Structure formats: C-alpha cells, structure tokens
C-alpha cells in the first residue's frame, strides 16, 4: 500500500479509483474504466 495525496480532487473516498502521477491523484475514474485500464496494462506486461 502506498500513501498518495488527494489534495487536487474533491470528494475522494477509500476504494475510489483514481489516476495517479508522482504520488498525486489527478482524476477519479469509474470501476469499468479502471478495470479496462488494468487489463490493458496486464496485456502489455506491466504489473500495476
């Protein structure tokens, strides 16, 4: 588990999916989008 900053987003809760960059949550995404993104990363050989 990593600690991240959610200071740039409003209304972020535990178990929300977010786009991260250098330790900052930049955007919330819905569960379907998160699953698609994780699947693409795994298909590319990247372990998220």
N, C-alpha and C. Protein backbone atom coordinates (compact mmCIF):
# COMPACT_ATOMS: atom_id res chain seq x y z
N UNK A 1 0.85 -1.17 0.00
CA UNK A 1 0.00 0.00 0.00
C UNK A 1 0.90 1.23 0.00
N UNK A 2 0.49 2.24 -0.77
CA UNK A 2 1.24 3.49 -0.85
C UNK A 2 0.38 4.64 -0.37
N UNK A 3 1.03 5.64 0.16
CA UNK A 3 0.34 6.86 0.55
C UNK A 3 0.37 7.82 -0.64
N UNK A 4 -0.79 8.40 -0.94
CA UNK A 4 -0.88 9.37 -2.04
C UNK A 4 -1.59 10.63 -1.54
N UNK A 5 -1.44 11.69 -2.29
CA UNK A 5 -2.14 12.93 -1.98
C UNK A 5 -3.41 13.03 -2.81
N UNK A 6 -4.51 13.34 -2.15
CA UNK A 6 -5.78 13.57 -2.85
C UNK A 6 -6.16 15.05 -2.80
N UNK A 7 -5.19 15.91 -2.49
CA UNK A 7 -5.45 17.34 -2.33
C UNK A 7 -6.00 17.99 -3.60
N UNK A 8 -5.72 17.42 -4.76
CA UNK A 8 -6.15 18.02 -6.02
C UNK A 8 -7.58 17.65 -6.41
N UNK A 9 -8.19 16.73 -5.67
CA UNK A 9 -9.54 16.26 -6.00
C UNK A 9 -10.51 16.50 -4.85
N UNK A 10 -11.75 16.75 -5.21
CA UNK A 10 -12.82 16.84 -4.22
C UNK A 10 -13.52 15.49 -4.12
N UNK A 11 -14.03 15.19 -2.96
CA UNK A 11 -14.91 14.04 -2.78
C UNK A 11 -14.29 12.70 -3.20
N UNK A 12 -13.09 12.43 -2.70
CA UNK A 12 -12.44 11.14 -2.94
C UNK A 12 -12.57 10.32 -1.67
N UNK A 13 -12.93 9.05 -1.84
CA UNK A 13 -13.13 8.17 -0.69
C UNK A 13 -12.30 6.90 -0.85
N UNK A 14 -12.12 6.20 0.24
CA UNK A 14 -11.46 4.91 0.21
C UNK A 14 -12.21 4.02 -0.78
N UNK A 15 -11.48 3.27 -1.56
CA UNK A 15 -11.99 2.36 -2.59
C UNK A 15 -12.37 3.05 -3.90
N UNK A 16 -12.24 4.37 -4.00
CA UNK A 16 -12.42 5.04 -5.29
C UNK A 16 -11.22 4.71 -6.18
N UNK A 17 -11.42 4.71 -7.48
CA UNK A 17 -10.34 4.52 -8.43
C UNK A 17 -9.90 5.90 -8.91
N UNK A 18 -8.58 6.10 -8.94
CA UNK A 18 -8.04 7.40 -9.35
C UNK A 18 -6.88 7.19 -10.31
N UNK A 19 -6.61 8.21 -11.11
CA UNK A 19 -5.42 8.25 -11.95
C UNK A 19 -4.34 8.94 -11.13
N UNK A 20 -3.18 8.27 -11.01
CA UNK A 20 -2.08 8.80 -10.21
C UNK A 20 -0.93 9.26 -11.09
N UNK A 21 -0.23 10.28 -10.61
CA UNK A 21 1.02 10.70 -11.23
C UNK A 21 1.90 11.25 -10.12
N UNK A 22 3.09 10.71 -10.00
CA UNK A 22 4.08 11.08 -8.99
C UNK A 22 3.48 11.31 -7.59
N UNK A 23 2.59 10.41 -7.19
CA UNK A 23 2.04 10.45 -5.84
C UNK A 23 0.80 11.30 -5.65
N UNK A 24 0.29 11.89 -6.71
CA UNK A 24 -0.90 12.72 -6.62
C UNK A 24 -2.05 12.11 -7.42
N UNK A 25 -3.22 12.07 -6.81
CA UNK A 25 -4.43 11.64 -7.51
C UNK A 25 -4.88 12.81 -8.40
N UNK A 26 -4.96 12.55 -9.70
CA UNK A 26 -5.31 13.62 -10.65
C UNK A 26 -6.76 13.60 -11.09
N UNK A 27 -7.36 12.40 -11.13
CA UNK A 27 -8.74 12.27 -11.60
C UNK A 27 -9.35 11.00 -11.06
N UNK A 28 -10.65 11.04 -10.80
CA UNK A 28 -11.39 9.84 -10.45
C UNK A 28 -11.87 9.17 -11.72
N UNK A 29 -11.89 7.83 -11.70
CA UNK A 29 -12.46 7.07 -12.82
C UNK A 29 -13.43 6.05 -12.26
N UNK A 30 -14.40 5.66 -13.08
CA UNK A 30 -15.36 4.67 -12.60
C UNK A 30 -14.74 3.28 -12.65
N UNK A 31 -15.40 2.33 -12.02
CA UNK A 31 -14.86 0.98 -11.89
C UNK A 31 -14.64 0.32 -13.25
N UNK A 32 -15.55 0.51 -14.19
CA UNK A 32 -15.39 -0.09 -15.52
C UNK A 32 -14.14 0.43 -16.22
N UNK A 33 -13.92 1.72 -16.16
CA UNK A 33 -12.73 2.31 -16.78
C UNK A 33 -11.47 1.81 -16.10
N UNK A 34 -11.50 1.70 -14.78
CA UNK A 34 -10.34 1.20 -14.04
C UNK A 34 -10.03 -0.24 -14.44
N UNK A 35 -11.05 -1.07 -14.56
CA UNK A 35 -10.84 -2.47 -14.97
C UNK A 35 -10.25 -2.56 -16.38
N UNK A 36 -10.77 -1.76 -17.29
CA UNK A 36 -10.24 -1.76 -18.67
C UNK A 36 -8.77 -1.33 -18.69
N UNK A 37 -8.46 -0.31 -17.93
CA UNK A 37 -7.08 0.18 -17.88
C UNK A 37 -6.15 -0.87 -17.29
N UNK A 38 -6.56 -1.50 -16.18
CA UNK A 38 -5.74 -2.54 -15.57
C UNK A 38 -5.54 -3.72 -16.52
N UNK A 39 -6.58 -4.08 -17.25
CA UNK A 39 -6.48 -5.18 -18.21
C UNK A 39 -5.48 -4.84 -19.32
N UNK A 40 -5.54 -3.60 -19.83
CA UNK A 40 -4.60 -3.19 -20.88
C UNK A 40 -3.16 -3.21 -20.36
N UNK A 41 -2.95 -2.76 -19.13
CA UNK A 41 -1.60 -2.78 -18.56
C UNK A 41 -1.09 -4.20 -18.42
N UNK A 42 -1.94 -5.10 -17.93
CA UNK A 42 -1.53 -6.50 -17.80
C UNK A 42 -1.23 -7.11 -19.16
N UNK A 43 -2.05 -6.82 -20.16
CA UNK A 43 -1.82 -7.32 -21.52
C UNK A 43 -0.48 -6.83 -22.08
N UNK A 44 -0.07 -5.64 -21.66
CA UNK A 44 1.19 -5.06 -22.11
C UNK A 44 2.38 -5.55 -21.28
N UNK A 45 2.10 -6.40 -20.29
CA UNK A 45 3.18 -6.94 -19.46
C UNK A 45 3.57 -6.07 -18.29
N UNK A 46 2.75 -5.09 -17.98
CA UNK A 46 3.02 -4.20 -16.85
C UNK A 46 2.21 -4.67 -15.65
N UNK A 47 2.86 -4.82 -14.51
CA UNK A 47 2.15 -5.21 -13.29
C UNK A 47 1.80 -3.96 -12.51
N UNK A 48 0.53 -3.58 -12.47
CA UNK A 48 0.13 -2.37 -11.73
C UNK A 48 0.24 -2.57 -10.22
